[in-house]
Amino acid sequence: MKPAVFTYVAPHSREEALEAARRFGSDGKILAGGQSLVPLMAMRLARPATIIDLNRIPDLAYIKAARGGLAIGAMTRQRTAETHRLVLERLPLLADALRWVGHAQIRSRGTIGGSLAHADPSAELPAVAAVLGGRFVVVSTRGERIIDTAQFFTGYLTTAIQPHEMLVEVQLPAPPAGAGWAFQEIARRHGDFAIAGVAVVLRLDADRRCADARLAFTGVGPGPVRATNAEAYLKGKRLSAAVVAEACRMAQAALDPDGDIHASAAYRTHVAGVLAARALRQAAERAKGQA
């Protein structure tokens, strides 16, 4: 399989890339790691007239502490983030989730910004951004804007990034002190797209009751799905087996996944509930350990 004919542009600076994005508009497509875009082009499911390759812009790849969390450059390789000291210290949930992304070879080329901008509904990183309350720094020749996760993902393979804009940074707040975390996923085989997955951040009070809970699912909607009804139910309760089961039932009731050749909608919903129960228990154990 070969892609359709396209023009290739390789800017060496952020300014050159933004000018190219402005010039080509909707006819251009930004190439980051290429682990999603290149296969789509090979199968001719994507036919951009122009490719704007960001791989020659070194200042788009970084991980630095910011406001208690991390600021991650859009061109940071997934494998770099997975093993980075600051990620392991401040955002272990991100490191856990990255281990589910494809295989090591894919993560060595794939980028944090590329995965988030691609917005695959089965991807791991959108769920992590949703559960942490991430923000996205998007720039163009007209200036900069910051978009919250709730407004960033707008539908299947669709984000709020406009054709003339470019994602340059992802800001991920660290979970509250003493919080536990977990990421659970199921796929037909390791490295495949997730049938369903869930990211959880959980904080317990001094009485071991739930002070705060956040759950975000992947693979069960057009984008990451927050289970706000289950989150509200969990607050103030001890995480007994019955409470966890009821929270998962409430989360399942709010899901409306599509069925496909890999799994029916009913199976995705069932699996999401099972994974949520596992993740809540694991996050609770980690929260107790933090305390």
Protein backbone atom coordinates (compact mmCIF):
# COMPACT_ATOMS: atom_id res chain seq x y z
CA MET A 1 0.00 0.00 0.00
CA LYS A 2 1.23 3.47 -0.87
CA PRO A 3 -0.05 6.91 0.10
CA ALA A 4 -1.50 9.35 -2.39
CA VAL A 5 0.87 11.99 -3.76
CA PHE A 6 1.61 14.79 -1.30
CA THR A 7 3.98 17.72 -0.81
CA TYR A 8 6.49 17.40 2.04
CA VAL A 9 7.55 20.35 4.21
CA ALA A 10 10.13 20.04 7.01
CA PRO A 11 10.36 23.30 9.02
CA HIS A 12 13.32 23.82 11.36
CA SER A 13 11.63 26.19 13.79
CA ARG A 14 8.28 26.71 15.45
CA GLU A 15 7.80 29.91 13.47
CA GLU A 16 8.37 28.11 10.16
CA ALA A 17 5.90 25.38 11.17
CA LEU A 18 3.23 27.92 12.12
CA GLU A 19 3.68 29.77 8.86
CA ALA A 20 3.32 26.49 6.96
CA ALA A 21 0.17 25.65 8.91
CA ARG A 22 -1.24 29.08 8.05
CA ARG A 23 -0.30 28.78 4.38
CA PHE A 24 -1.66 25.30 3.74
CA GLY A 25 -4.62 25.38 6.16
CA SER A 26 -6.96 22.42 5.84
CA ASP A 27 -4.89 21.02 2.95
CA GLY A 28 -1.97 20.46 5.32
CA LYS A 29 -1.49 17.79 7.96
CA ILE A 30 1.04 17.93 10.78
CA LEU A 31 3.30 14.89 11.20
CA ALA A 32 4.57 14.25 14.72
CA GLY A 33 5.54 10.63 15.45
CA GLY A 34 3.62 9.32 12.45
CA GLN A 35 2.51 6.13 14.19
CA SER A 36 -1.15 6.87 13.41
CA LEU A 37 -1.00 9.19 10.41
CA VAL A 38 1.38 7.16 8.23
CA PRO A 39 -0.73 3.95 8.35
CA LEU A 40 -3.85 5.97 7.53
CA MET A 41 -2.08 7.50 4.56
CA ALA A 42 -0.77 4.12 3.41
CA MET A 43 -4.34 2.80 3.38
CA ARG A 44 -5.48 6.06 1.73
CA LEU A 45 -7.91 6.73 4.53
CA ALA A 46 -6.13 10.07 4.88
CA ARG A 47 -5.01 12.03 1.80
CA PRO A 48 -3.44 15.31 2.91
CA ALA A 49 -2.09 17.46 0.12
CA THR A 50 0.83 18.60 2.28
CA ILE A 51 2.68 17.04 5.21
CA ILE A 52 4.28 19.40 7.75
CA ASP A 53 6.94 17.36 9.56
CA LEU A 54 7.79 18.68 13.06
CA ASN A 55 10.65 16.27 13.74
CA ARG A 56 13.35 18.89 13.01
CA ILE A 57 12.12 21.28 15.72
CA PRO A 58 14.00 20.34 18.92
CA ASP A 59 12.35 22.88 21.24
CA LEU A 60 8.99 21.08 20.98
CA ALA A 61 10.31 18.10 22.98
CA TYR A 62 10.71 18.59 26.75
CA ILE A 63 9.38 17.60 30.17
CA LYS A 64 9.53 20.18 32.94
CA ALA A 65 7.95 20.86 36.31
CA ALA A 66 5.13 23.41 36.22
CA ARG A 67 2.58 24.44 38.87
CA GLY A 68 2.96 21.23 40.83
CA GLY A 69 2.47 19.11 37.72
CA LEU A 70 4.28 18.79 34.42
CA ALA A 71 4.45 20.68 31.13
CA ILE A 72 5.23 18.28 28.29
CA GLY A 73 6.26 19.41 24.83
CA ALA A 74 4.07 18.02 22.07
CA MET A 75 7.00 16.29 20.31
CA THR A 76 8.17 14.43 23.43
CA ARG A 77 8.45 10.72 22.62
CA GLN A 78 6.11 8.47 24.54
CA ARG A 79 8.97 6.21 25.62
CA THR A 80 10.86 9.22 26.97
CA ALA A 81 7.88 10.23 29.09
CA GLU A 82 7.29 6.64 30.23
CA THR A 83 10.75 6.44 31.83
CA HIS A 84 11.35 10.09 32.78
CA ARG A 85 12.17 10.80 36.43
CA LEU A 86 9.69 13.68 36.75
CA VAL A 87 6.87 11.60 35.26
CA LEU A 88 7.57 8.70 37.61
CA GLU A 89 7.67 11.06 40.60
CA ARG A 90 4.77 13.39 39.83
CA LEU A 91 2.55 11.58 37.32
CA PRO A 92 2.92 7.82 37.79
CA LEU A 93 -0.54 7.40 36.25
CA LEU A 94 0.86 8.68 32.95
CA ALA A 95 3.77 6.23 33.11
CA ASP A 96 1.36 3.36 33.84
CA ALA A 97 -0.90 4.29 30.94
CA LEU A 98 1.96 4.68 28.47
CA ARG A 99 2.98 1.05 28.98
CA TRP A 100 -0.28 0.08 27.28
CA VAL A 101 0.43 2.14 24.16
CA GLY A 102 1.42 -0.17 21.31
CA HIS A 103 4.88 -1.66 21.74
CA ALA A 104 8.23 -0.20 22.77
CA GLN A 105 9.18 0.44 19.14
CA ILE A 106 5.98 2.42 18.59
CA ARG A 107 6.43 4.42 21.79
CA SER A 108 10.00 5.25 20.77
CA ARG A 109 8.63 7.15 17.74
CA GLY A 110 5.14 8.11 18.85
CA THR A 111 4.75 11.46 20.59
CA ILE A 112 2.63 12.70 23.47
CA GLY A 113 1.15 15.54 21.42
CA GLY A 114 0.63 13.39 18.34
CA SER A 115 -1.47 10.84 20.21
CA LEU A 116 -3.59 13.50 21.92
CA ALA A 117 -4.12 15.51 18.73
CA HIS A 118 -5.06 12.34 16.81
CA ALA A 119 -7.82 11.77 19.43
CA ASP A 120 -8.41 8.09 18.81
CA PRO A 121 -11.40 7.09 20.99
CA SER A 122 -9.52 3.96 22.12
CA ALA A 123 -6.29 5.77 22.99
CA GLU A 124 -4.91 5.84 26.52
CA LEU A 125 -3.60 9.40 26.77
CA PRO A 126 -6.93 11.22 26.29
CA ALA A 127 -8.35 9.36 29.31
CA VAL A 128 -5.30 10.32 31.37
CA ALA A 129 -5.67 13.97 30.35
CA ALA A 130 -9.38 13.85 31.22
CA VAL A 131 -8.90 12.34 34.67
CA LEU A 132 -6.06 14.72 35.56
CA GLY A 133 -7.76 17.83 34.19
CA GLY A 134 -5.13 18.53 31.55
CA ARG A 135 -4.81 21.68 29.46
CA PHE A 136 -3.58 22.04 25.89
CA VAL A 137 -1.49 24.93 24.59
CA VAL A 138 -2.37 25.59 20.96
CA VAL A 139 -0.64 28.27 18.89
CA SER A 140 -0.94 29.87 15.46
CA THR A 141 0.48 32.91 13.71
CA ARG A 142 -2.35 34.84 15.40
CA GLY A 143 -1.32 33.92 18.95
CA GLU A 144 -1.83 31.31 21.66
CA ARG A 145 -4.83 29.79 23.38
CA ILE A 146 -5.18 27.23 26.18
CA ILE A 147 -7.94 24.63 25.95
CA ASP A 148 -9.26 22.48 28.81
CA THR A 149 -9.67 18.77 28.20
CA ALA A 150 -13.47 18.99 28.27
CA GLN A 151 -13.40 21.38 25.31
CA PHE A 152 -10.39 19.86 23.52
CA PHE A 153 -11.88 16.52 22.47
CA THR A 154 -14.91 17.26 20.33
CA GLY A 155 -15.70 13.92 18.67
CA TYR A 156 -14.32 10.85 16.95
CA LEU A 157 -10.75 11.67 15.79
CA THR A 158 -11.62 15.35 16.22
CA THR A 159 -10.29 18.08 18.48
CA ALA A 160 -10.70 21.82 18.91
CA ILE A 161 -7.42 22.44 17.04
CA GLN A 162 -8.11 24.53 13.93
CA PRO A 163 -6.35 23.82 10.59
CA HIS A 164 -4.04 26.84 11.02
CA GLU A 165 -3.11 25.89 14.60
CA MET A 166 -0.56 23.57 16.19
CA LEU A 167 -0.49 21.81 19.57
CA VAL A 168 2.80 22.71 21.27
CA GLU A 169 2.40 21.73 24.93
CA VAL A 170 0.30 19.59 27.25
CA GLN A 171 -0.06 20.69 30.87
CA LEU A 172 -0.94 17.89 33.29
CA PRO A 173 -1.59 18.71 36.97
CA ALA A 174 -0.27 16.22 39.50
CA PRO A 175 -2.92 14.35 41.53
CA PRO A 176 -3.58 15.73 45.04
CA ALA A 177 -1.12 14.74 47.76
CA GLY A 178 -1.89 11.28 49.07
CA ALA A 179 -4.00 10.28 46.07
CA GLY A 180 -3.90 6.80 44.59
CA TRP A 181 -4.08 6.06 40.89
CA ALA A 182 -4.69 3.20 38.49
CA PHE A 183 -4.98 2.50 34.78
CA GLN A 184 -6.68 -0.67 33.58
CA GLU A 185 -7.26 -1.78 30.00
CA ILE A 186 -8.23 -4.82 28.00
CA ALA A 187 -7.37 -5.52 24.36
CA ARG A 188 -7.45 -8.62 22.18
CA ARG A 189 -3.67 -8.79 22.59
CA HIS A 190 -1.09 -6.47 24.08
CA GLY A 191 -0.40 -3.56 21.76
CA ASP A 192 -3.82 -3.65 20.07
CA PHE A 193 -6.32 -0.85 20.41
CA ALA A 194 -8.21 -1.00 23.69
CA ILE A 195 -11.64 -2.60 23.76
CA ALA A 196 -12.15 -0.61 26.93
CA GLY A 197 -9.97 1.07 29.52
CA VAL A 198 -10.22 3.33 32.55
CA ALA A 199 -8.03 5.82 34.40
CA VAL A 200 -8.74 6.48 38.09
CA VAL A 201 -7.46 9.01 40.61
CA LEU A 202 -8.73 8.53 44.17
CA ARG A 203 -8.07 10.37 47.43
CA LEU A 204 -9.08 9.13 50.87
CA ASP A 205 -9.59 11.22 54.00
CA ALA A 206 -8.18 10.43 57.46
CA ASP A 207 -11.18 8.17 58.11
CA ARG A 208 -10.47 6.14 54.93
CA ARG A 209 -13.56 7.56 53.24
CA CYS A 210 -13.44 8.76 49.66
CA ALA A 211 -12.61 12.48 49.62
CA ASP A 212 -12.38 12.73 45.85
CA ALA A 213 -12.70 10.32 42.93
CA ARG A 214 -12.17 10.76 39.22
CA LEU A 215 -12.81 8.14 36.53
CA ALA A 216 -12.27 8.51 32.79
CA PHE A 217 -12.96 5.74 30.28
CA THR A 218 -11.49 5.02 26.87
CA GLY A 219 -12.92 2.85 24.09
CA VAL A 220 -16.55 3.46 25.08
CA GLY A 221 -17.37 6.72 23.32
CA PRO A 222 -16.20 9.17 20.65
CA GLY A 223 -13.59 10.45 23.11
CA PRO A 224 -12.63 10.11 26.77
CA VAL A 225 -15.71 9.71 28.98
CA ARG A 226 -15.78 11.02 32.56
CA ALA A 227 -18.07 9.08 34.92
CA THR A 228 -19.23 12.13 36.88
CA ASN A 229 -22.27 10.35 38.34
CA ALA A 230 -20.11 7.60 39.85
CA GLU A 231 -17.59 10.17 41.08
CA ALA A 232 -20.29 12.07 42.98
CA TYR A 233 -21.69 8.85 44.44
CA LEU A 234 -18.31 7.75 45.83
CA LYS A 235 -17.56 10.92 47.77
CA GLY A 236 -17.85 10.49 51.52
CA LYS A 237 -18.20 6.70 51.37
CA ARG A 238 -15.96 3.87 52.42
CA LEU A 239 -15.01 1.76 49.42
CA SER A 240 -16.74 -1.45 50.41
CA ALA A 241 -17.42 -4.09 47.79
CA ALA A 242 -21.05 -2.98 47.61
CA VAL A 243 -20.14 0.70 47.17
CA VAL A 244 -17.61 -0.08 44.43
CA ALA A 245 -20.14 -2.31 42.65
CA GLU A 246 -22.81 0.40 42.74
CA ALA A 247 -20.38 3.06 41.49
CA CYS A 248 -19.42 0.82 38.58
CA ARG A 249 -23.06 0.11 37.79
CA MET A 250 -23.73 3.86 37.69
CA ALA A 251 -20.73 4.40 35.44
CA GLN A 252 -21.89 1.66 33.08
CA ALA A 253 -25.38 3.19 32.88
CA ALA A 254 -23.87 6.45 31.60
CA LEU A 255 -21.87 4.77 28.81
CA ASP A 256 -23.13 4.45 25.25
CA PRO A 257 -20.37 2.76 23.23
CA ASP A 258 -20.60 1.62 19.63
CA GLY A 259 -20.18 -2.00 18.66
CA ASP A 260 -17.74 -3.08 15.97
CA ILE A 261 -15.94 -6.17 14.65
CA HIS A 262 -13.86 -6.34 17.85
CA ALA A 263 -16.60 -6.14 20.49
CA SER A 264 -20.30 -5.46 20.84
CA ALA A 265 -21.55 -2.39 22.67
CA ALA A 266 -22.84 -4.59 25.49
CA TYR A 267 -19.46 -6.27 25.91
CA ARG A 268 -17.61 -2.95 25.99
CA THR A 269 -19.99 -1.67 28.65
CA HIS A 270 -19.59 -4.83 30.74
CA VAL A 271 -15.80 -4.78 30.47
CA ALA A 272 -15.67 -1.08 31.39
CA GLY A 273 -17.49 -1.84 34.64
CA VAL A 274 -15.18 -4.73 35.50
CA LEU A 275 -12.08 -2.61 34.81
CA ALA A 276 -13.46 0.29 36.84
CA ALA A 277 -13.90 -1.99 39.87
CA ARG A 278 -10.31 -3.26 39.53
CA ALA A 279 -8.95 0.26 39.10
CA LEU A 280 -10.88 1.64 42.08
CA ARG A 281 -9.55 -1.12 44.33
CA GLN A 282 -5.99 -0.63 43.08
CA ALA A 283 -6.18 3.16 43.47
CA ALA A 284 -7.59 2.78 46.98
CA GLU A 285 -4.73 0.50 48.00
CA ARG A 286 -2.21 2.98 46.63
CA ALA A 287 -3.96 5.84 48.43
CA LYS A 288 -3.73 3.91 51.71
CA GLY A 289 -0.04 3.34 51.03
CA GLN A 290 0.48 7.05 50.37
CA ALA A 291 -1.25 7.89 53.66
